[in-house]
Amino acid sequence: MEIVRVGGRELFRVAYGVIQAAQEFPTAIPLDEAWTLLESPPPEYRFSCLAAVEGSEVVGAAWLTWSLAENRQLLVAELGVEASRRRQGVGSALLDATKAAAVADGRNALLGATISPYGEGPGSGAAFAESRGFVQQHATLHQVIDYPVAGLDAKAAEIAPHHQPYTLATWPDGCPDEHVDQYCELLSLIDDEVPLDDLELEAKRWTPERLRSVEARRRTQGHLTSTTVAIAPDGSLAGYTELTGKPQHPERLDQHDTLVRPEHRGHRLGLALKIANLQALQSRTANPATIHTSNAETNAPMIAVNDHLGFRPLEHQHIWVLQLTVPDLLT
């Protein structure tokens, strides 16, 4: 068996397919988008793929995400092994190659995730991680809801008295120029406010240039986007929520971050933002889909918001970190 760096599109298609197939609940980015990221990454990241090859068969693969902005000490790795080849050293060989790549680039830690069905304990992925020295540092709950979402108007009317001083505004594409600076402040605040348990990450810092670059990339890739903000009486942005969809998977929508500034909490703005964003999106498209969202399992307020909307739990995701030791660095 040989571990090779993937360059050609056909080998990538097969290797990335192994990663996708290894997930019980597929969450990997679509194949075409992953190839685009490999070939033409955004300025804040680069991506690479390793394949475990035996003869003419790809028996395992690793998808690696290298941050070039924040968290340059970390390498994020996603490993997959063909079902018939598990517990035969393929995963270990991929992990060793990943560690070597991390060390060569000056990284001192690996980060990976394992997934298990809701209500069940850790599976084989967690056992693999733990046996190789990874430490679990964060847990999230993955929830879903059918789209279009029913009963939004009634829910909006129910909570309207709680946030009367605030105005809700939605945009379907790029942030209006008058809100760019404050919106970047909100985006930069999210990593400081979201519970991360024992996970220590450097927060992303957003600039107007970074925001416009992301928006342009989404437009180029045909992404569906809906963003809603809460505007306080003084004109400042009090919170936001964002939801996106990808043309390769029209049956899936992703509910991303929702944040309300601490000084504006207590007005049910988190729920109001999500409802208004869904209402705006449903006025544009009512094509059936499933909305996916993940929150820290310790983030009880946001999970309660999702429960109120009718989200149901699907799976647990656990984040693991492996600190690369002195022997790793000397290898």
Protein backbone atom coordinates (compact mmCIF):
# COMPACT_ATOMS: atom_id res chain seq x y z
CA MET A 1 0.00 0.00 0.00
CA GLU A 2 1.22 3.49 -0.90
CA ILE A 3 0.08 6.91 0.29
CA VAL A 4 0.10 9.38 -2.61
CA ARG A 5 -0.81 13.04 -2.99
CA VAL A 6 -3.79 13.39 -5.31
CA GLY A 7 -3.39 15.67 -8.30
CA GLY A 8 -5.44 14.35 -11.22
CA ARG A 9 -9.19 14.78 -11.34
CA GLU A 10 -10.04 11.10 -11.88
CA LEU A 11 -7.98 9.92 -8.91
CA PHE A 12 -9.50 12.72 -6.85
CA ARG A 13 -13.01 11.64 -7.82
CA VAL A 14 -12.36 8.12 -6.57
CA ALA A 15 -10.47 9.18 -3.42
CA TYR A 16 -12.99 11.80 -2.40
CA GLY A 17 -15.76 9.29 -3.04
CA VAL A 18 -14.18 7.04 -0.42
CA ILE A 19 -14.37 9.88 2.11
CA GLN A 20 -18.01 10.56 1.27
CA ALA A 21 -18.96 6.88 1.45
CA ALA A 22 -17.32 6.51 4.86
CA GLN A 23 -19.79 8.97 6.39
CA GLU A 24 -22.95 7.45 7.78
CA PHE A 25 -24.61 10.85 7.51
CA PRO A 26 -22.87 12.55 4.56
CA THR A 27 -21.67 16.03 5.47
CA ALA A 28 -18.69 16.37 3.15
CA ILE A 29 -18.81 19.24 0.68
CA PRO A 30 -19.93 18.18 -2.83
CA LEU A 31 -17.38 16.60 -5.13
CA ASP A 32 -17.36 19.37 -7.73
CA GLU A 33 -16.98 22.06 -5.07
CA ALA A 34 -14.17 20.13 -3.38
CA TRP A 35 -12.32 19.90 -6.70
CA THR A 36 -12.74 23.64 -7.22
CA LEU A 37 -11.33 24.29 -3.75
CA LEU A 38 -8.38 22.03 -4.50
CA GLU A 39 -7.65 23.76 -7.79
CA SER A 40 -8.60 27.34 -6.89
CA PRO A 41 -8.82 27.85 -3.12
CA PRO A 42 -9.85 31.10 -1.44
CA PRO A 43 -6.95 33.19 -0.14
CA GLU A 44 -7.52 32.14 3.50
CA TYR A 45 -7.14 28.39 2.87
CA ARG A 46 -5.54 25.71 0.81
CA PHE A 47 -6.66 22.11 0.45
CA SER A 48 -5.02 18.82 -0.38
CA CYS A 49 -6.00 15.18 -0.71
CA LEU A 50 -4.08 11.99 0.06
CA ALA A 51 -5.00 8.55 -1.25
CA ALA A 52 -4.10 5.12 0.10
CA VAL A 53 -3.55 3.04 -3.03
CA GLU A 54 -3.10 -0.71 -3.26
CA GLY A 55 -2.53 -1.94 -6.77
CA SER A 56 -5.11 -0.10 -8.83
CA GLU A 57 -7.57 0.32 -5.95
CA VAL A 58 -8.03 3.34 -3.70
CA VAL A 59 -8.67 1.88 -0.24
CA GLY A 60 -8.64 5.09 1.79
CA ALA A 61 -8.25 8.84 1.52
CA ALA A 62 -7.70 12.01 3.55
CA TRP A 63 -9.04 15.50 2.85
CA LEU A 64 -6.85 18.16 4.46
CA THR A 65 -7.77 21.78 5.15
CA TRP A 66 -4.92 24.20 5.76
CA SER A 67 -5.82 27.60 7.21
CA LEU A 68 -3.55 30.36 5.96
CA ALA A 69 -5.09 33.06 8.13
CA GLU A 70 -6.19 32.10 11.63
CA ASN A 71 -5.24 28.86 13.42
CA ARG A 72 -2.11 28.21 11.41
CA GLN A 73 -1.02 25.81 14.14
CA LEU A 74 -3.77 23.38 13.14
CA LEU A 75 -4.29 20.98 10.26
CA VAL A 76 -7.91 19.83 9.85
CA ALA A 77 -8.10 16.27 8.57
CA GLU A 78 -10.98 14.13 7.35
CA LEU A 79 -10.12 10.44 6.86
CA GLY A 80 -12.12 7.73 5.13
CA VAL A 81 -11.42 4.03 4.61
CA GLU A 82 -13.27 1.56 2.39
CA ALA A 83 -15.61 -0.51 4.57
CA SER A 84 -13.99 -3.81 3.57
CA ARG A 85 -10.50 -2.53 4.43
CA ARG A 86 -11.08 -1.16 7.92
CA ARG A 87 -8.96 -2.39 10.84
CA GLN A 88 -6.19 -3.35 8.43
CA GLY A 89 -3.87 -0.40 8.99
CA VAL A 90 -5.17 1.85 6.20
CA GLY A 91 -6.43 4.54 8.56
CA SER A 92 -3.22 4.44 10.57
CA ALA A 93 -1.10 4.83 7.43
CA LEU A 94 -3.19 7.82 6.34
CA LEU A 95 -2.90 9.34 9.79
CA ASP A 96 0.88 8.92 9.80
CA ALA A 97 1.12 10.60 6.40
CA THR A 98 -1.13 13.41 7.60
CA LYS A 99 1.00 13.95 10.70
CA ALA A 100 4.13 14.09 8.55
CA ALA A 101 2.51 16.66 6.27
CA ALA A 102 1.45 18.76 9.26
CA VAL A 103 4.93 18.73 10.79
CA ALA A 104 6.55 19.59 7.47
CA ASP A 105 4.33 22.67 7.31
CA GLY A 106 5.07 23.72 10.89
CA ARG A 107 1.70 22.66 12.34
CA ASN A 108 1.65 21.31 15.89
CA ALA A 109 -1.84 19.82 16.10
CA LEU A 110 -4.38 17.85 14.08
CA LEU A 111 -8.12 18.40 14.32
CA GLY A 112 -10.73 15.87 13.20
CA ALA A 113 -14.37 14.99 13.75
CA THR A 114 -16.35 11.82 14.39
CA ILE A 115 -20.09 11.34 13.98
CA SER A 116 -22.60 9.08 15.72
CA PRO A 117 -26.40 8.78 15.47
CA TYR A 118 -28.41 10.81 17.96
CA GLY A 119 -28.83 9.06 21.28
CA GLU A 120 -26.07 6.55 20.60
CA GLY A 121 -22.59 6.43 22.07
CA PRO A 122 -19.32 7.04 20.22
CA GLY A 123 -18.69 4.70 17.29
CA SER A 124 -15.63 3.18 15.66
CA GLY A 125 -14.31 6.57 14.54
CA ALA A 126 -14.15 7.77 18.12
CA ALA A 127 -12.40 4.57 19.20
CA PHE A 128 -9.84 5.06 16.43
CA ALA A 129 -9.21 8.66 17.45
CA GLU A 130 -8.89 7.90 21.15
CA SER A 131 -6.56 4.96 20.60
CA ARG A 132 -4.21 7.18 18.65
CA GLY A 133 -3.95 9.92 21.21
CA PHE A 134 -6.65 12.35 20.11
CA VAL A 135 -8.55 14.12 22.89
CA GLN A 136 -12.20 15.04 22.51
CA GLN A 137 -12.57 18.79 23.03
CA HIS A 138 -15.97 19.76 21.63
CA ALA A 139 -19.39 18.23 20.92
CA THR A 140 -22.15 19.50 18.65
CA LEU A 141 -25.73 18.47 17.97
CA HIS A 142 -26.80 18.17 14.34
CA GLN A 143 -30.51 18.95 13.82
CA VAL A 144 -32.74 19.01 10.74
CA ILE A 145 -36.15 20.31 9.68
CA ASP A 146 -38.23 19.90 6.54
CA TYR A 147 -38.40 22.90 4.21
CA PRO A 148 -40.64 24.80 3.56
CA VAL A 149 -41.18 25.25 7.30
CA ALA A 150 -44.81 25.36 8.39
CA GLY A 151 -46.37 27.78 10.86
CA LEU A 152 -43.85 30.62 10.54
CA ASP A 153 -46.41 33.41 10.37
CA ALA A 154 -48.05 32.32 13.62
CA LYS A 155 -44.69 32.01 15.37
CA ALA A 156 -43.63 35.44 14.12
CA ALA A 157 -46.84 37.02 15.42
CA GLU A 158 -46.39 35.29 18.77
CA ILE A 159 -42.96 36.78 19.47
CA ALA A 160 -43.37 40.15 17.72
CA PRO A 161 -44.19 42.04 20.95
CA HIS A 162 -40.83 41.01 22.42
CA HIS A 163 -38.68 42.74 19.79
CA GLN A 164 -40.80 45.75 18.78
CA PRO A 165 -37.96 48.32 19.05
CA TYR A 166 -35.91 46.36 16.49
CA THR A 167 -36.19 46.22 12.70
CA LEU A 168 -35.45 43.04 10.76
CA ALA A 169 -33.86 43.38 7.32
CA THR A 170 -33.00 40.60 4.86
CA TRP A 171 -30.71 40.48 1.85
CA PRO A 172 -30.51 37.59 -0.63
CA ASP A 173 -27.01 38.16 -1.95
CA GLY A 174 -24.33 40.62 -0.83
CA CYS A 175 -24.43 42.76 2.28
CA PRO A 176 -25.60 46.33 1.55
CA ASP A 177 -22.73 48.81 1.61
CA GLU A 178 -24.18 50.73 4.56
CA HIS A 179 -24.00 47.64 6.78
CA VAL A 180 -20.65 46.16 5.69
CA ASP A 181 -18.47 47.41 8.52
CA GLN A 182 -20.91 46.49 11.28
CA TYR A 183 -21.71 43.15 9.65
CA CYS A 184 -18.01 42.30 9.61
CA GLU A 185 -17.92 43.12 13.33
CA LEU A 186 -20.74 40.63 13.93
CA LEU A 187 -19.03 37.95 11.86
CA SER A 188 -15.82 38.51 13.84
CA LEU A 189 -17.71 38.24 17.13
CA ILE A 190 -19.29 34.85 16.50
CA ASP A 191 -16.21 32.77 17.33
CA ASP A 192 -15.80 34.64 20.62
CA GLU A 193 -19.43 34.08 21.63
CA VAL A 194 -20.16 30.50 20.52
CA PRO A 195 -19.45 27.84 23.20
CA LEU A 196 -16.40 25.78 22.22
CA ASP A 197 -16.03 23.65 25.37
CA ASP A 198 -12.31 22.80 25.65
CA LEU A 199 -11.53 23.65 22.04
CA GLU A 200 -9.18 26.60 21.68
CA LEU A 201 -9.42 28.32 18.32
CA GLU A 202 -8.31 31.70 17.10
CA ALA A 203 -11.39 33.67 16.05
CA LYS A 204 -11.79 34.63 12.41
CA ARG A 205 -11.41 38.35 11.81
CA TRP A 206 -13.54 39.63 8.98
CA THR A 207 -12.76 42.63 6.81
CA PRO A 208 -14.91 44.10 4.03
CA GLU A 209 -12.45 42.63 1.52
CA ARG A 210 -12.77 39.15 3.02
CA LEU A 211 -16.56 39.40 3.07
CA ARG A 212 -16.80 40.56 -0.53
CA SER A 213 -14.46 37.76 -1.62
CA VAL A 214 -16.68 35.13 0.03
CA GLU A 215 -19.83 36.67 -1.44
CA ALA A 216 -18.30 36.73 -4.93
CA ARG A 217 -17.24 33.10 -4.64
CA ARG A 218 -20.74 32.08 -3.62
CA ARG A 219 -22.24 33.90 -6.59
CA THR A 220 -19.77 32.26 -8.96
CA GLN A 221 -20.70 28.83 -7.59
CA GLY A 222 -24.43 29.54 -7.79
CA HIS A 223 -25.08 29.32 -4.06
CA LEU A 224 -28.45 30.31 -2.65
CA THR A 225 -28.00 32.73 0.25
CA SER A 226 -30.34 34.49 2.67
CA THR A 227 -29.14 36.74 5.50
CA THR A 228 -31.29 38.58 8.05
CA VAL A 229 -30.07 41.20 10.52
CA ALA A 230 -31.68 42.89 13.49
CA ILE A 231 -31.26 46.67 13.52
CA ALA A 232 -31.44 48.38 16.92
CA PRO A 233 -33.24 51.70 17.43
CA ASP A 234 -29.91 53.55 17.21
CA GLY A 235 -29.21 52.02 13.78
CA SER A 236 -26.55 49.55 14.92
CA LEU A 237 -26.69 45.86 13.99
CA ALA A 238 -27.80 43.81 16.99
CA GLY A 239 -27.62 40.34 15.44
CA TYR A 240 -27.72 38.24 12.30
CA THR A 241 -28.49 34.82 10.88
CA GLU A 242 -27.49 33.20 7.60
CA LEU A 243 -28.72 30.27 5.53
CA THR A 244 -27.23 28.89 2.30
CA GLY A 245 -27.85 26.25 -0.32
CA LYS A 246 -25.72 24.71 -3.06
CA PRO A 247 -26.90 23.88 -6.60
CA GLN A 248 -25.23 20.46 -6.47
CA HIS A 249 -27.54 19.49 -3.59
CA PRO A 250 -30.89 21.26 -4.05
CA GLU A 251 -32.40 18.92 -1.47
CA ARG A 252 -30.20 20.41 1.28
CA LEU A 253 -30.04 23.83 2.93
CA ASP A 254 -27.58 24.81 5.66
CA GLN A 255 -28.50 27.06 8.57
CA HIS A 256 -25.25 28.73 9.55
CA ASP A 257 -24.42 31.07 12.42
CA THR A 258 -27.01 32.99 14.39
CA LEU A 259 -25.72 35.64 16.77
CA VAL A 260 -27.28 38.33 18.95
CA ARG A 261 -24.95 40.78 20.67
CA PRO A 262 -24.95 40.21 24.45
CA GLU A 263 -26.36 43.67 25.20
CA HIS A 264 -29.37 42.97 22.95
CA ARG A 265 -30.35 39.57 24.30
CA GLY A 266 -33.63 38.96 26.09
CA HIS A 267 -35.86 40.13 23.21
CA ARG A 268 -36.22 36.75 21.48
CA LEU A 269 -34.18 38.12 18.60
CA GLY A 270 -32.48 34.80 17.86
CA LEU A 271 -35.84 33.19 17.12
CA ALA A 272 -37.11 36.30 15.31
CA LEU A 273 -34.07 36.37 13.05
CA LYS A 274 -34.42 32.74 12.03
CA ILE A 275 -38.16 33.06 11.40
CA ALA A 276 -37.77 36.21 9.29
CA ASN A 277 -34.93 34.66 7.30
CA LEU A 278 -37.00 31.56 6.56
CA GLN A 279 -40.01 33.65 5.62
CA ALA A 280 -37.90 35.68 3.19
CA LEU A 281 -36.38 32.57 1.65
CA GLN A 282 -39.73 30.84 1.29
CA SER A 283 -41.04 33.87 -0.58
CA ARG A 284 -38.26 33.27 -3.13
CA THR A 285 -38.33 29.48 -3.38
CA ALA A 286 -40.49 26.73 -1.93
CA ASN A 287 -38.65 23.77 -3.45
CA PRO A 288 -38.70 20.90 -0.91
CA ALA A 289 -35.46 20.42 1.00
CA THR A 290 -34.04 19.58 4.41
CA ILE A 291 -32.40 22.29 6.50
CA HIS A 292 -29.35 21.19 8.48
CA THR A 293 -27.85 23.01 11.43
CA SER A 294 -25.30 22.22 14.16
CA ASN A 295 -24.78 23.84 17.54
CA ALA A 296 -22.61 23.13 20.54
CA GLU A 297 -24.43 20.65 22.74
CA THR A 298 -23.87 23.11 25.61
CA ASN A 299 -25.58 25.90 23.67
CA ALA A 300 -28.98 25.32 25.27
CA PRO A 301 -30.53 28.68 24.21
CA MET A 302 -29.93 28.12 20.48
CA ILE A 303 -30.99 24.48 20.63
CA ALA A 304 -34.18 25.67 22.35
CA VAL A 305 -34.76 28.09 19.46
CA ASN A 306 -34.38 25.22 17.01
CA ASP A 307 -36.72 23.03 19.04
CA HIS A 308 -39.33 25.80 18.99
CA LEU A 309 -39.11 25.92 15.20
CA GLY A 310 -39.52 22.15 14.95
CA PHE A 311 -35.98 20.96 14.30
CA ARG A 312 -35.36 17.33 15.23
CA PRO A 313 -32.03 15.83 16.36
CA LEU A 314 -30.11 13.70 13.89
CA GLU A 315 -26.59 13.05 15.11
CA HIS A 316 -23.76 13.96 17.45
CA GLN A 317 -20.49 15.33 16.16
CA HIS A 318 -17.38 15.22 18.32
CA ILE A 319 -14.27 17.28 17.62
CA TRP A 320 -10.92 15.70 18.47
CA VAL A 321 -7.46 17.26 18.69
CA LEU A 322 -4.10 15.51 18.57
CA GLN A 323 -1.12 17.49 19.83
CA LEU A 324 1.97 16.58 17.84
CA THR A 325 4.66 15.59 20.31
CA VAL A 326 8.43 16.04 20.21
CA PRO A 327 8.93 12.59 18.59
CA ASP A 328 6.44 13.61 15.87
CA LEU A 329 8.33 16.82 15.26
CA LEU A 330 11.64 14.95 15.02
CA THR A 331 10.38 12.24 12.70
